């Protein structure tokens, strides 16, 4: 998604990717932290 945000041909899709990539990255980071702690929610 980060790559498409930088190099995407469709401007509206690239703008969406640029907007949502940081959110997805943060979700991934949070999920990895939960996985390391062994938390089940």
PDB file of N, CA and C in Angstrom:
ATOM      1  N   UNK A   1       0.820  -1.176   0.000  1.00  0.00           N
ATOM      2  CA  UNK A   1       0.000   0.000   0.000  1.00  0.00           C
ATOM      3  C   UNK A   1       0.877   1.257   0.000  1.00  0.00           C
ATOM      4  N   UNK A   2       1.945   1.228   0.761  1.00  0.00           N
ATOM      5  CA  UNK A   2       2.850   2.376   0.795  1.00  0.00           C
ATOM      6  C   UNK A   2       3.450   2.614  -0.585  1.00  0.00           C
ATOM      7  N   UNK A   3       3.783   1.544  -1.262  1.00  0.00           N
ATOM      8  CA  UNK A   3       4.345   1.661  -2.604  1.00  0.00           C
ATOM      9  C   UNK A   3       3.335   2.293  -3.557  1.00  0.00           C
ATOM     10  N   UNK A   4       2.072   1.861  -3.467  1.00  0.00           N
ATOM     11  CA  UNK A   4       1.047   2.424  -4.347  1.00  0.00           C
ATOM     12  C   UNK A   4       0.799   3.886  -4.019  1.00  0.00           C
ATOM     13  N   UNK A   5       0.882   4.232  -2.746  1.00  0.00           N
ATOM     14  CA  UNK A   5       0.692   5.633  -2.357  1.00  0.00           C
ATOM     15  C   UNK A   5       1.730   6.528  -3.034  1.00  0.00           C
ATOM     16  N   UNK A   6       2.928   5.994  -3.234  1.00  0.00           N
ATOM     17  CA  UNK A   6       3.998   6.774  -3.859  1.00  0.00           C
ATOM     18  C   UNK A   6       3.979   6.691  -5.381  1.00  0.00           C
ATOM     19  N   UNK A   7       3.603   5.518  -5.912  1.00  0.00           N
ATOM     20  CA  UNK A   7       3.764   5.278  -7.347  1.00  0.00           C
ATOM     21  C   UNK A   7       2.480   4.922  -8.081  1.00  0.00           C
ATOM     22  N   UNK A   8       1.349   5.005  -7.412  1.00  0.00           N
ATOM     23  CA  UNK A   8       0.092   4.585  -8.035  1.00  0.00           C
ATOM     24  C   UNK A   8      -0.309   5.454  -9.209  1.00  0.00           C
ATOM     25  N   UNK A   9      -0.887   4.826 -10.190  1.00  0.00           N
ATOM     26  CA  UNK A   9      -1.303   5.544 -11.400  1.00  0.00           C
ATOM     27  C   UNK A   9      -2.645   6.242 -11.213  1.00  0.00           C
ATOM     28  N   UNK A  10      -3.550   5.599 -10.504  1.00  0.00           N
ATOM     29  CA  UNK A  10      -4.867   6.196 -10.263  1.00  0.00           C
ATOM     30  C   UNK A  10      -4.753   7.133  -9.060  1.00  0.00           C
ATOM     31  N   UNK A  11      -4.878   8.416  -9.316  1.00  0.00           N
ATOM     32  CA  UNK A  11      -4.622   9.405  -8.267  1.00  0.00           C
ATOM     33  C   UNK A  11      -5.550   9.241  -7.069  1.00  0.00           C
ATOM     34  N   UNK A  12      -6.812   8.915  -7.306  1.00  0.00           N
ATOM     35  CA  UNK A  12      -7.735   8.768  -6.176  1.00  0.00           C
ATOM     36  C   UNK A  12      -7.388   7.551  -5.326  1.00  0.00           C
ATOM     37  N   UNK A  13      -6.914   6.485  -5.943  1.00  0.00           N
ATOM     38  CA  UNK A  13      -6.501   5.302  -5.186  1.00  0.00           C
ATOM     39  C   UNK A  13      -5.186   5.553  -4.449  1.00  0.00           C
ATOM     40  N   UNK A  14      -4.276   6.268  -5.089  1.00  0.00           N
ATOM     41  CA  UNK A  14      -3.007   6.598  -4.440  1.00  0.00           C
ATOM     42  C   UNK A  14      -3.255   7.491  -3.230  1.00  0.00           C
ATOM     43  N   UNK A  15      -4.188   8.429  -3.342  1.00  0.00           N
ATOM     44  CA  UNK A  15      -4.519   9.305  -2.219  1.00  0.00           C
ATOM     45  C   UNK A  15      -5.114   8.503  -1.073  1.00  0.00           C
ATOM     46  N   UNK A  16      -5.966   7.550  -1.399  1.00  0.00           N
ATOM     47  CA  UNK A  16      -6.550   6.689  -0.363  1.00  0.00           C
ATOM     48  C   UNK A  16      -5.467   5.846   0.303  1.00  0.00           C
ATOM     49  N   UNK A  17      -4.581   5.293  -0.484  1.00  0.00           N
ATOM     50  CA  UNK A  17      -3.494   4.486   0.063  1.00  0.00           C
ATOM     51  C   UNK A  17      -2.609   5.326   0.974  1.00  0.00           C
ATOM     52  N   UNK A  18      -2.323   6.556   0.570  1.00  0.00           N
ATOM     53  CA  UNK A  18      -1.486   7.438   1.375  1.00  0.00           C
ATOM     54  C   UNK A  18      -2.162   7.761   2.701  1.00  0.00           C
ATOM     55  N   UNK A  19      -3.465   7.901   2.678  1.00  0.00           N
ATOM     56  CA  UNK A  19      -4.225   8.236   3.886  1.00  0.00           C
ATOM     57  C   UNK A  19      -4.333   7.043   4.834  1.00  0.00           C
ATOM     58  N   UNK A  20      -4.528   5.855   4.290  1.00  0.00           N
ATOM     59  CA  UNK A  20      -4.791   4.690   5.135  1.00  0.00           C
ATOM     60  C   UNK A  20      -3.554   3.881   5.512  1.00  0.00           C
ATOM     61  N   UNK A  21      -2.460   4.019   4.784  1.00  0.00           N
ATOM     62  CA  UNK A  21      -1.258   3.232   5.077  1.00  0.00           C
ATOM     63  C   UNK A  21      -0.767   3.414   6.514  1.00  0.00           C
ATOM     64  N   UNK A  22      -0.710   4.637   7.048  1.00  0.00           N
ATOM     65  CA  UNK A  22      -0.246   4.778   8.437  1.00  0.00           C
ATOM     66  C   UNK A  22      -1.162   4.090   9.453  1.00  0.00           C
ATOM     67  N   UNK A  23      -2.452   4.088   9.175  1.00  0.00           N
ATOM     68  CA  UNK A  23      -3.414   3.430  10.077  1.00  0.00           C
ATOM     69  C   UNK A  23      -3.184   1.927  10.057  1.00  0.00           C
ATOM     70  N   UNK A  24      -3.018   1.379   8.881  1.00  0.00           N
ATOM     71  CA  UNK A  24      -2.773  -0.062   8.751  1.00  0.00           C
ATOM     72  C   UNK A  24      -1.455  -0.438   9.412  1.00  0.00           C
ATOM     73  N   UNK A  25      -0.446   0.392   9.223  1.00  0.00           N
ATOM     74  CA  UNK A  25       0.860   0.141   9.848  1.00  0.00           C
ATOM     75  C   UNK A  25       0.716   0.127  11.375  1.00  0.00           C
ATOM     76  N   UNK A  26      -0.059   1.053  11.922  1.00  0.00           N
ATOM     77  CA  UNK A  26      -0.261   1.112  13.373  1.00  0.00           C
ATOM     78  C   UNK A  26      -1.035  -0.104  13.856  1.00  0.00           C
ATOM     79  N   UNK A  27      -2.031  -0.542  13.109  1.00  0.00           N
ATOM     80  CA  UNK A  27      -2.779  -1.743  13.472  1.00  0.00           C
ATOM     81  C   UNK A  27      -1.866  -2.965  13.495  1.00  0.00           C
ATOM     82  N   UNK A  28      -1.001  -3.077  12.508  1.00  0.00           N
ATOM     83  CA  UNK A  28      -0.053  -4.188  12.460  1.00  0.00           C
ATOM     84  C   UNK A  28       0.866  -4.153  13.673  1.00  0.00           C
ATOM     85  N   UNK A  29       1.377  -2.987  13.992  1.00  0.00           N
ATOM     86  CA  UNK A  29       2.274  -2.838  15.142  1.00  0.00           C
ATOM     87  C   UNK A  29       1.563  -3.263  16.424  1.00  0.00           C
ATOM     88  N   UNK A  30       0.325  -2.844  16.577  1.00  0.00           N
ATOM     89  CA  UNK A  30      -0.451  -3.197  17.759  1.00  0.00           C
ATOM     90  C   UNK A  30      -0.690  -4.708  17.825  1.00  0.00           C
ATOM     91  N   UNK A  31      -1.043  -5.303  16.702  1.00  0.00           N
ATOM     92  CA  UNK A  31      -1.271  -6.745  16.658  1.00  0.00           C
ATOM     93  C   UNK A  31      -0.007  -7.514  17.011  1.00  0.00           C
ATOM     94  N   UNK A  32       1.133  -7.041  16.543  1.00  0.00           N
ATOM     95  CA  UNK A  32       2.393  -7.703  16.860  1.00  0.00           C
ATOM     96  C   UNK A  32       2.701  -7.590  18.348  1.00  0.00           C
ATOM     97  N   UNK A  33       2.391  -6.462  18.950  1.00  0.00           N
ATOM     98  CA  UNK A  33       2.609  -6.291  20.387  1.00  0.00           C
ATOM     99  C   UNK A  33       1.706  -7.229  21.179  1.00  0.00           C
ATOM    100  N   UNK A  34       0.467  -7.358  20.753  1.00  0.00           N
ATOM    101  CA  UNK A  34      -0.460  -8.271  21.420  1.00  0.00           C
ATOM    102  C   UNK A  34       0.032  -9.717  21.289  1.00  0.00           C
ATOM    103  N   UNK A  35       0.540 -10.053  20.118  1.00  0.00           N
ATOM    104  CA  UNK A  35       1.049 -11.403  19.887  1.00  0.00           C
ATOM    105  C   UNK A  35       2.235 -11.708  20.810  1.00  0.00           C
ATOM    106  N   UNK A  36       3.124 -10.739  20.953  1.00  0.00           N
ATOM    107  CA  UNK A  36       4.294 -10.940  21.812  1.00  0.00           C
ATOM    108  C   UNK A  36       3.901 -11.086  23.292  1.00  0.00           C
ATOM    109  N   UNK A  37       2.865 -10.356  23.706  1.00  0.00           N
ATOM    110  CA  UNK A  37       2.459 -10.398  25.111  1.00  0.00           C
ATOM    111  C   UNK A  37       1.589 -11.614  25.411  1.00  0.00           C
ATOM    112  N   UNK A  38       1.129 -12.280  24.372  1.00  0.00           N
ATOM    113  CA  UNK A  38       0.288 -13.461  24.565  1.00  0.00           C
ATOM    114  C   UNK A  38      -1.144 -13.121  24.938  1.00  0.00           C
ATOM    115  N   UNK A  39      -1.518 -11.875  24.766  1.00  0.00           N
ATOM    116  CA  UNK A  39      -2.856 -11.418  25.115  1.00  0.00           C
ATOM    117  C   UNK A  39      -3.877 -11.974  24.135  1.00  0.00           C
ATOM    118  N   UNK A  40      -5.007 -12.393  24.649  1.00  0.00           N
ATOM    119  CA  UNK A  40      -6.078 -12.918  23.832  1.00  0.00           C
ATOM    120  C   UNK A  40      -7.209 -11.896  23.684  1.00  0.00           C
ATOM    121  N   UNK A  41      -7.086 -10.717  24.245  1.00  0.00           N
ATOM    122  CA  UNK A  41      -8.090  -9.684  24.079  1.00  0.00           C
ATOM    123  C   UNK A  41      -8.849  -9.495  25.281  1.00  0.00           C
TER     124      UNK A  41
END
